[in-house]
Amino acid sequence: LDYFIREAGEIFGISRNLPINDRGPKRILEYVLHQEDEDEEQNLADATMELFEPALNQEDEPYFSDIDDYDDSE
């Protein structure tokens, strides 16, 4: 199992992100799990932003685009 984890680390470029003396299978798995956790947190943050600030499509008009039509102060 150690061999396969080390080889996967080399194939996927994980090993080059680790110090030369710290490229063991445990460290490779730790790196992968840490990266997955960061990606998950980023996806959650992006989803939260979309929930509270929906992206406007080119077809969508910004909120209050017709406010001048209803402005009684003039």
N, C-alpha and C. Protein backbone atom coordinates (compact mmCIF):
# COMPACT_ATOMS: atom_id res chain seq x y z
N LEU A 1 0.83 -1.19 0.00
CA LEU A 1 0.00 0.00 0.00
C LEU A 1 0.88 1.26 0.00
N ASP A 2 1.97 1.21 0.76
CA ASP A 2 2.89 2.35 0.80
C ASP A 2 3.39 2.69 -0.60
N TYR A 3 3.76 1.66 -1.33
CA TYR A 3 4.29 1.85 -2.68
C TYR A 3 3.27 2.57 -3.57
N PHE A 4 2.02 2.11 -3.53
CA PHE A 4 0.99 2.69 -4.40
C PHE A 4 0.67 4.14 -4.02
N ILE A 5 0.69 4.44 -2.74
CA ILE A 5 0.45 5.82 -2.31
C ILE A 5 1.59 6.72 -2.77
N ARG A 6 2.83 6.23 -2.63
CA ARG A 6 3.98 7.02 -3.08
C ARG A 6 3.93 7.25 -4.59
N GLU A 7 3.60 6.20 -5.34
CA GLU A 7 3.51 6.33 -6.80
C GLU A 7 2.40 7.29 -7.20
N ALA A 8 1.26 7.19 -6.54
CA ALA A 8 0.16 8.12 -6.84
C ALA A 8 0.58 9.55 -6.53
N GLY A 9 1.32 9.73 -5.46
CA GLY A 9 1.83 11.05 -5.12
C GLY A 9 2.73 11.61 -6.21
N GLU A 10 3.55 10.75 -6.80
CA GLU A 10 4.42 11.18 -7.90
C GLU A 10 3.61 11.47 -9.16
N ILE A 11 2.68 10.59 -9.49
CA ILE A 11 1.89 10.73 -10.71
C ILE A 11 1.05 12.01 -10.68
N PHE A 12 0.43 12.29 -9.55
CA PHE A 12 -0.46 13.45 -9.45
C PHE A 12 0.26 14.73 -9.04
N GLY A 13 1.57 14.67 -8.90
CA GLY A 13 2.35 15.87 -8.59
C GLY A 13 2.27 16.33 -7.15
N ILE A 14 1.80 15.48 -6.29
CA ILE A 14 1.69 15.84 -4.87
C ILE A 14 3.07 15.87 -4.23
N SER A 15 3.91 14.95 -4.61
CA SER A 15 5.23 14.83 -3.99
C SER A 15 6.07 16.09 -4.18
N ARG A 16 5.93 16.75 -5.31
CA ARG A 16 6.75 17.94 -5.54
C ARG A 16 6.30 19.11 -4.67
N ASN A 17 5.13 19.02 -4.06
CA ASN A 17 4.66 20.06 -3.14
C ASN A 17 5.11 19.80 -1.70
N LEU A 18 5.78 18.68 -1.50
CA LEU A 18 6.25 18.31 -0.16
C LEU A 18 7.77 18.37 -0.10
N PRO A 19 8.33 18.61 1.09
CA PRO A 19 9.79 18.57 1.22
C PRO A 19 10.33 17.19 0.86
N ILE A 20 11.54 17.15 0.34
CA ILE A 20 12.14 15.88 -0.10
C ILE A 20 12.20 14.85 1.02
N ASN A 21 12.51 15.29 2.23
CA ASN A 21 12.65 14.34 3.33
C ASN A 21 11.30 14.01 3.99
N ASP A 22 10.20 14.52 3.46
CA ASP A 22 8.88 14.30 4.06
C ASP A 22 7.86 13.89 3.00
N ARG A 23 8.20 12.87 2.21
CA ARG A 23 7.32 12.42 1.13
C ARG A 23 6.80 11.02 1.36
N GLY A 24 6.55 10.69 2.59
CA GLY A 24 6.03 9.36 2.92
C GLY A 24 4.55 9.25 2.62
N PRO A 25 4.04 8.03 2.64
CA PRO A 25 2.62 7.82 2.32
C PRO A 25 1.68 8.54 3.29
N LYS A 26 2.07 8.57 4.56
CA LYS A 26 1.23 9.26 5.55
C LYS A 26 1.13 10.75 5.22
N ARG A 27 2.25 11.35 4.88
CA ARG A 27 2.28 12.78 4.56
C ARG A 27 1.53 13.07 3.27
N ILE A 28 1.62 12.17 2.29
CA ILE A 28 0.91 12.34 1.02
C ILE A 28 -0.60 12.31 1.26
N LEU A 29 -1.07 11.34 2.04
CA LEU A 29 -2.50 11.26 2.34
C LEU A 29 -2.96 12.47 3.15
N GLU A 30 -2.13 12.92 4.07
CA GLU A 30 -2.45 14.11 4.86
C GLU A 30 -2.60 15.33 3.95
N TYR A 31 -1.70 15.46 2.99
CA TYR A 31 -1.75 16.58 2.05
C TYR A 31 -3.03 16.53 1.22
N VAL A 32 -3.38 15.35 0.72
CA VAL A 32 -4.59 15.20 -0.10
C VAL A 32 -5.83 15.56 0.71
N LEU A 33 -5.93 15.06 1.93
CA LEU A 33 -7.09 15.35 2.76
C LEU A 33 -7.18 16.83 3.11
N HIS A 34 -6.04 17.45 3.36
CA HIS A 34 -6.01 18.88 3.67
C HIS A 34 -6.48 19.69 2.46
N GLN A 35 -6.02 19.32 1.27
CA GLN A 35 -6.44 20.03 0.05
C GLN A 35 -7.93 19.85 -0.19
N GLU A 36 -8.43 18.66 0.05
CA GLU A 36 -9.86 18.39 -0.13
C GLU A 36 -10.68 19.25 0.83
N ASP A 37 -10.21 19.37 2.06
CA ASP A 37 -10.91 20.18 3.05
C ASP A 37 -10.93 21.65 2.63
N GLU A 38 -9.81 22.15 2.12
CA GLU A 38 -9.75 23.54 1.66
C GLU A 38 -10.69 23.77 0.48
N ASP A 39 -10.73 22.81 -0.45
CA ASP A 39 -11.62 22.93 -1.61
C ASP A 39 -13.08 22.94 -1.16
N GLU A 40 -13.40 22.08 -0.20
CA GLU A 40 -14.77 22.01 0.31
C GLU A 40 -15.17 23.32 0.98
N GLU A 41 -14.26 23.90 1.76
CA GLU A 41 -14.54 25.18 2.41
C GLU A 41 -14.74 26.28 1.37
N GLN A 42 -13.94 26.26 0.31
CA GLN A 42 -14.06 27.28 -0.73
C GLN A 42 -15.38 27.13 -1.47
N ASN A 43 -15.77 25.89 -1.77
CA ASN A 43 -17.05 25.66 -2.45
C ASN A 43 -18.21 26.11 -1.58
N LEU A 44 -18.11 25.88 -0.27
CA LEU A 44 -19.16 26.32 0.64
C LEU A 44 -19.23 27.84 0.67
N ALA A 45 -18.09 28.50 0.69
CA ALA A 45 -18.07 29.97 0.69
C ALA A 45 -18.66 30.51 -0.61
N ASP A 46 -18.33 29.88 -1.74
CA ASP A 46 -18.88 30.31 -3.03
C ASP A 46 -20.40 30.13 -3.06
N ALA A 47 -20.87 29.00 -2.55
CA ALA A 47 -22.31 28.74 -2.53
C ALA A 47 -23.03 29.73 -1.63
N THR A 48 -22.41 30.09 -0.52
CA THR A 48 -23.00 31.07 0.39
C THR A 48 -23.09 32.43 -0.29
N MET A 49 -22.05 32.81 -1.00
CA MET A 49 -22.07 34.10 -1.71
C MET A 49 -23.17 34.11 -2.76
N GLU A 50 -23.36 33.01 -3.48
CA GLU A 50 -24.41 32.95 -4.49
C GLU A 50 -25.79 33.01 -3.84
N LEU A 51 -25.90 32.47 -2.64
CA LEU A 51 -27.18 32.48 -1.95
C LEU A 51 -27.57 33.90 -1.57
N PHE A 52 -26.62 34.66 -1.07
CA PHE A 52 -26.91 36.01 -0.61
C PHE A 52 -26.72 37.08 -1.69
N GLU A 53 -25.92 36.80 -2.69
CA GLU A 53 -25.69 37.74 -3.79
C GLU A 53 -25.78 36.98 -5.11
N PRO A 54 -26.99 36.70 -5.57
CA PRO A 54 -27.10 35.91 -6.80
C PRO A 54 -26.43 36.63 -7.97
N ALA A 55 -25.75 35.86 -8.77
CA ALA A 55 -25.07 36.42 -9.94
C ALA A 55 -26.11 36.85 -10.97
N LEU A 56 -25.88 37.99 -11.57
CA LEU A 56 -26.79 38.48 -12.60
C LEU A 56 -26.39 37.90 -13.94
N ASN A 57 -27.36 37.38 -14.63
CA ASN A 57 -27.11 36.93 -16.00
C ASN A 57 -27.16 38.15 -16.91
N GLN A 58 -26.71 38.00 -18.12
CA GLN A 58 -26.76 39.11 -19.06
C GLN A 58 -28.20 39.51 -19.35
N GLU A 59 -29.10 38.57 -19.24
CA GLU A 59 -30.51 38.84 -19.51
C GLU A 59 -31.19 39.51 -18.32
N ASP A 60 -30.66 39.32 -17.12
CA ASP A 60 -31.26 39.88 -15.92
C ASP A 60 -30.95 41.37 -15.82
N GLU A 61 -31.93 42.11 -15.33
CA GLU A 61 -31.70 43.53 -15.07
C GLU A 61 -31.32 43.69 -13.60
N PRO A 62 -30.47 44.64 -13.31
CA PRO A 62 -30.13 44.87 -11.90
C PRO A 62 -31.38 45.30 -11.13
N TYR A 63 -31.37 45.04 -9.82
CA TYR A 63 -32.49 45.47 -8.99
C TYR A 63 -32.66 46.97 -9.10
N PHE A 64 -33.86 47.44 -9.07
CA PHE A 64 -34.20 48.86 -9.10
C PHE A 64 -33.75 49.55 -10.38
N SER A 65 -33.69 48.83 -11.48
CA SER A 65 -33.28 49.46 -12.74
C SER A 65 -34.34 50.45 -13.24
N ASP A 66 -35.57 50.29 -12.78
CA ASP A 66 -36.64 51.19 -13.21
C ASP A 66 -37.04 52.17 -12.11
N ILE A 67 -36.17 52.42 -11.18
CA ILE A 67 -36.51 53.28 -10.05
C ILE A 67 -36.83 54.70 -10.49
N ASP A 68 -36.19 55.18 -11.56
CA ASP A 68 -36.47 56.53 -12.05
C ASP A 68 -37.92 56.67 -12.53
N ASP A 69 -38.51 55.58 -13.03
CA ASP A 69 -39.89 55.62 -13.49
C ASP A 69 -40.87 55.87 -12.35
N TYR A 70 -40.50 55.45 -11.15
CA TYR A 70 -41.40 55.55 -10.01
C TYR A 70 -40.95 56.60 -8.99
N ASP A 71 -39.98 57.40 -9.32
CA ASP A 71 -39.44 58.40 -8.40
C ASP A 71 -40.37 59.61 -8.39
N ASP A 72 -41.01 59.87 -7.25
CA ASP A 72 -41.96 60.97 -7.10
C ASP A 72 -41.29 62.26 -6.65
N SER A 73 -40.01 62.25 -6.36
CA SER A 73 -39.36 63.43 -5.80
C SER A 73 -39.07 64.49 -6.85
N GLU A 74 -39.28 64.20 -8.11
CA GLU A 74 -39.00 65.19 -9.16
C GLU A 74 -40.17 66.07 -9.43
